[in-house]
N, C-alpha and C. Protein backbone atom coordinates (compact mmCIF):
# COMPACT_ATOMS: atom_id res chain seq x y z
N UNK A 1 21.29 8.23 10.37
CA UNK A 1 21.66 7.79 9.04
C UNK A 1 20.44 7.25 8.33
N UNK A 2 20.37 7.46 7.05
CA UNK A 2 19.25 7.03 6.23
C UNK A 2 19.54 5.66 5.63
N UNK A 3 18.60 4.75 5.81
CA UNK A 3 18.76 3.40 5.28
C UNK A 3 17.71 3.15 4.20
N UNK A 4 18.01 2.21 3.31
CA UNK A 4 17.06 1.86 2.26
C UNK A 4 16.69 0.38 2.37
N UNK A 5 15.60 0.03 1.72
CA UNK A 5 15.14 -1.35 1.69
C UNK A 5 16.16 -2.23 0.97
N UNK A 6 16.82 -1.69 -0.05
CA UNK A 6 17.86 -2.46 -0.77
C UNK A 6 19.01 -2.84 0.15
N UNK A 7 19.42 -1.91 1.02
CA UNK A 7 20.50 -2.21 1.96
C UNK A 7 20.09 -3.33 2.91
N UNK A 8 18.87 -3.23 3.42
CA UNK A 8 18.38 -4.26 4.34
C UNK A 8 18.33 -5.62 3.64
N UNK A 9 17.82 -5.66 2.42
CA UNK A 9 17.74 -6.92 1.68
C UNK A 9 19.11 -7.50 1.40
N UNK A 10 20.09 -6.66 1.08
CA UNK A 10 21.45 -7.15 0.83
C UNK A 10 22.05 -7.75 2.10
N UNK A 11 21.83 -7.10 3.24
CA UNK A 11 22.33 -7.63 4.51
C UNK A 11 21.65 -8.96 4.85
N UNK A 12 20.34 -9.03 4.66
CA UNK A 12 19.62 -10.26 4.96
C UNK A 12 20.02 -11.39 4.03
N UNK A 13 20.26 -11.09 2.77
CA UNK A 13 20.69 -12.11 1.83
C UNK A 13 22.08 -12.65 2.21
N UNK A 14 22.97 -11.77 2.58
CA UNK A 14 24.31 -12.20 3.00
C UNK A 14 24.21 -13.07 4.25
N UNK A 15 23.37 -12.68 5.17
CA UNK A 15 23.19 -13.45 6.39
C UNK A 15 22.60 -14.83 6.08
N UNK A 16 21.64 -14.87 5.19
CA UNK A 16 21.02 -16.15 4.82
C UNK A 16 22.01 -17.10 4.16
N UNK A 17 22.98 -16.56 3.43
CA UNK A 17 23.97 -17.39 2.75
C UNK A 17 25.23 -17.61 3.58
N UNK A 18 25.28 -17.03 4.76
CA UNK A 18 26.45 -17.20 5.62
C UNK A 18 27.66 -16.41 5.18
N UNK A 19 27.44 -15.40 4.36
CA UNK A 19 28.54 -14.57 3.89
C UNK A 19 28.78 -13.42 4.86
N UNK A 20 30.00 -12.94 4.89
CA UNK A 20 30.31 -11.79 5.74
C UNK A 20 30.57 -10.53 4.92
N UNK A 21 30.59 -10.66 3.60
CA UNK A 21 30.86 -9.51 2.73
C UNK A 21 29.55 -9.09 2.06
N UNK A 22 29.26 -7.78 2.16
CA UNK A 22 28.03 -7.23 1.61
C UNK A 22 28.39 -6.06 0.70
N UNK A 23 27.73 -5.99 -0.46
CA UNK A 23 27.98 -4.90 -1.41
C UNK A 23 26.71 -4.09 -1.59
N UNK A 24 26.84 -2.77 -1.39
CA UNK A 24 25.75 -1.82 -1.62
C UNK A 24 26.21 -0.89 -2.73
N UNK A 25 25.71 -1.10 -3.92
CA UNK A 25 26.11 -0.24 -5.03
C UNK A 25 27.60 -0.37 -5.29
N UNK A 26 28.37 0.70 -5.01
CA UNK A 26 29.81 0.68 -5.25
C UNK A 26 30.61 0.47 -3.97
N UNK A 27 29.93 0.27 -2.83
CA UNK A 27 30.62 0.05 -1.55
C UNK A 27 30.54 -1.41 -1.15
N UNK A 28 31.64 -1.93 -0.64
CA UNK A 28 31.68 -3.29 -0.12
C UNK A 28 32.14 -3.25 1.33
N UNK A 29 31.40 -3.96 2.17
CA UNK A 29 31.72 -4.02 3.60
C UNK A 29 31.90 -5.48 3.97
N UNK A 30 32.98 -5.76 4.68
CA UNK A 30 33.20 -7.12 5.17
C UNK A 30 33.14 -7.09 6.69
N UNK A 31 32.22 -7.85 7.24
CA UNK A 31 32.03 -7.90 8.69
C UNK A 31 32.96 -8.94 9.29
N UNK A 32 33.36 -8.72 10.53
CA UNK A 32 34.31 -9.63 11.19
C UNK A 32 33.68 -10.96 11.55
N UNK A 33 32.37 -10.94 11.83
CA UNK A 33 31.70 -12.18 12.21
C UNK A 33 30.25 -12.14 11.77
N UNK A 34 29.61 -13.29 11.81
CA UNK A 34 28.19 -13.37 11.48
C UNK A 34 27.38 -12.59 12.53
N UNK A 35 27.81 -12.63 13.77
CA UNK A 35 27.11 -11.89 14.82
C UNK A 35 27.16 -10.38 14.55
N UNK A 36 28.27 -9.90 14.07
CA UNK A 36 28.37 -8.48 13.72
C UNK A 36 27.43 -8.15 12.55
N UNK A 37 27.29 -9.07 11.62
CA UNK A 37 26.35 -8.90 10.51
C UNK A 37 24.91 -8.90 11.02
N UNK A 38 24.61 -9.79 11.96
CA UNK A 38 23.26 -9.80 12.56
C UNK A 38 22.96 -8.47 13.24
N UNK A 39 23.94 -7.92 13.94
CA UNK A 39 23.75 -6.63 14.60
C UNK A 39 23.53 -5.53 13.58
N UNK A 40 24.21 -5.60 12.45
CA UNK A 40 24.01 -4.61 11.39
C UNK A 40 22.58 -4.69 10.85
N UNK A 41 22.05 -5.90 10.68
CA UNK A 41 20.67 -6.06 10.23
C UNK A 41 19.72 -5.44 11.24
N UNK A 42 19.95 -5.71 12.53
CA UNK A 42 19.09 -5.13 13.57
C UNK A 42 19.18 -3.61 13.57
N UNK A 43 20.37 -3.07 13.39
CA UNK A 43 20.55 -1.62 13.37
C UNK A 43 19.81 -0.98 12.19
N UNK A 44 19.90 -1.61 11.03
CA UNK A 44 19.22 -1.08 9.84
C UNK A 44 17.71 -1.16 10.03
N UNK A 45 17.21 -2.27 10.55
CA UNK A 45 15.77 -2.40 10.79
C UNK A 45 15.30 -1.34 11.78
N UNK A 46 16.06 -1.13 12.83
CA UNK A 46 15.70 -0.12 13.83
C UNK A 46 15.72 1.28 13.21
N UNK A 47 16.74 1.56 12.42
CA UNK A 47 16.84 2.86 11.77
C UNK A 47 15.71 3.11 10.80
N UNK A 48 15.34 2.07 10.05
CA UNK A 48 14.24 2.22 9.09
C UNK A 48 12.91 2.43 9.82
N UNK A 49 12.73 1.76 10.95
CA UNK A 49 11.51 1.95 11.73
C UNK A 49 11.44 3.38 12.28
N UNK A 50 12.57 3.87 12.79
CA UNK A 50 12.60 5.25 13.31
C UNK A 50 12.33 6.26 12.20
N UNK A 51 12.85 6.01 11.00
CA UNK A 51 12.59 6.90 9.86
C UNK A 51 11.10 6.89 9.51
N UNK A 52 10.50 5.71 9.52
CA UNK A 52 9.08 5.60 9.18
C UNK A 52 8.21 6.32 10.19
N UNK A 53 8.55 6.22 11.47
CA UNK A 53 7.79 6.91 12.51
C UNK A 53 7.97 8.42 12.37
N UNK A 54 9.20 8.85 12.12
CA UNK A 54 9.47 10.29 12.02
C UNK A 54 8.78 10.94 10.83
N UNK A 55 8.62 10.19 9.75
CA UNK A 55 7.99 10.76 8.56
C UNK A 55 6.49 10.50 8.51
N UNK A 56 5.96 9.78 9.50
CA UNK A 56 4.53 9.53 9.55
C UNK A 56 4.10 8.33 8.73
N UNK A 57 5.04 7.56 8.20
CA UNK A 57 4.68 6.38 7.42
C UNK A 57 4.25 5.22 8.31
N UNK A 58 4.68 5.24 9.55
CA UNK A 58 4.30 4.20 10.49
C UNK A 58 3.53 4.88 11.60
N UNK A 59 2.27 4.53 11.76
CA UNK A 59 1.48 5.22 12.79
C UNK A 59 1.91 4.84 14.19
N UNK A 60 1.73 5.77 15.05
CA UNK A 60 1.99 5.50 16.47
C UNK A 60 0.81 4.73 17.04
N UNK A 61 0.85 4.48 18.31
CA UNK A 61 -0.23 3.73 18.95
C UNK A 61 -1.56 4.47 18.75
N UNK A 62 -2.59 3.74 18.42
CA UNK A 62 -3.88 4.39 18.20
C UNK A 62 -4.42 4.98 19.49
N UNK A 63 -5.16 6.05 19.34
CA UNK A 63 -5.79 6.66 20.50
C UNK A 63 -7.02 5.85 20.88
N UNK A 64 -7.27 5.81 22.15
CA UNK A 64 -8.44 5.11 22.63
C UNK A 64 -9.36 6.10 23.32
N UNK A 65 -10.60 6.03 22.98
CA UNK A 65 -11.60 6.90 23.60
C UNK A 65 -12.57 6.01 24.35
N UNK A 66 -12.78 6.32 25.59
CA UNK A 66 -13.70 5.53 26.41
C UNK A 66 -14.88 6.41 26.78
N UNK A 67 -16.06 5.90 26.53
CA UNK A 67 -17.29 6.65 26.84
C UNK A 67 -18.04 5.89 27.93
N UNK A 68 -18.32 6.57 29.00
CA UNK A 68 -19.08 5.98 30.09
C UNK A 68 -20.43 6.70 30.17
N UNK A 69 -21.46 5.95 30.27
CA UNK A 69 -22.79 6.56 30.41
C UNK A 69 -23.45 6.03 31.67
N UNK A 70 -24.33 6.82 32.18
CA UNK A 70 -25.06 6.44 33.37
C UNK A 70 -26.48 6.94 33.25
N UNK A 71 -27.41 6.05 33.43
CA UNK A 71 -28.80 6.44 33.39
C UNK A 71 -29.28 6.55 34.82
N UNK A 72 -29.58 7.76 35.23
CA UNK A 72 -30.01 7.99 36.62
C UNK A 72 -31.37 7.38 36.91
N UNK A 73 -31.69 7.27 38.21
CA UNK A 73 -32.97 6.70 38.60
C UNK A 73 -34.02 7.75 38.82
């Protein structure tokens, strides 16, 4: 599923205010508990990170090159 920064901000704002109801555009979702809302925030963050990696917006681990030299006798 595709997530947006606006969705994440709306979830975080609701969590910060202790609300369980979140509105995204014309959709309203009411979570059963604050813990369920926290899990939704984690899910959206994880999904956004996976999207960024898949599209190349978030780089993977940098490559490391090791050079060893030896000066003979």
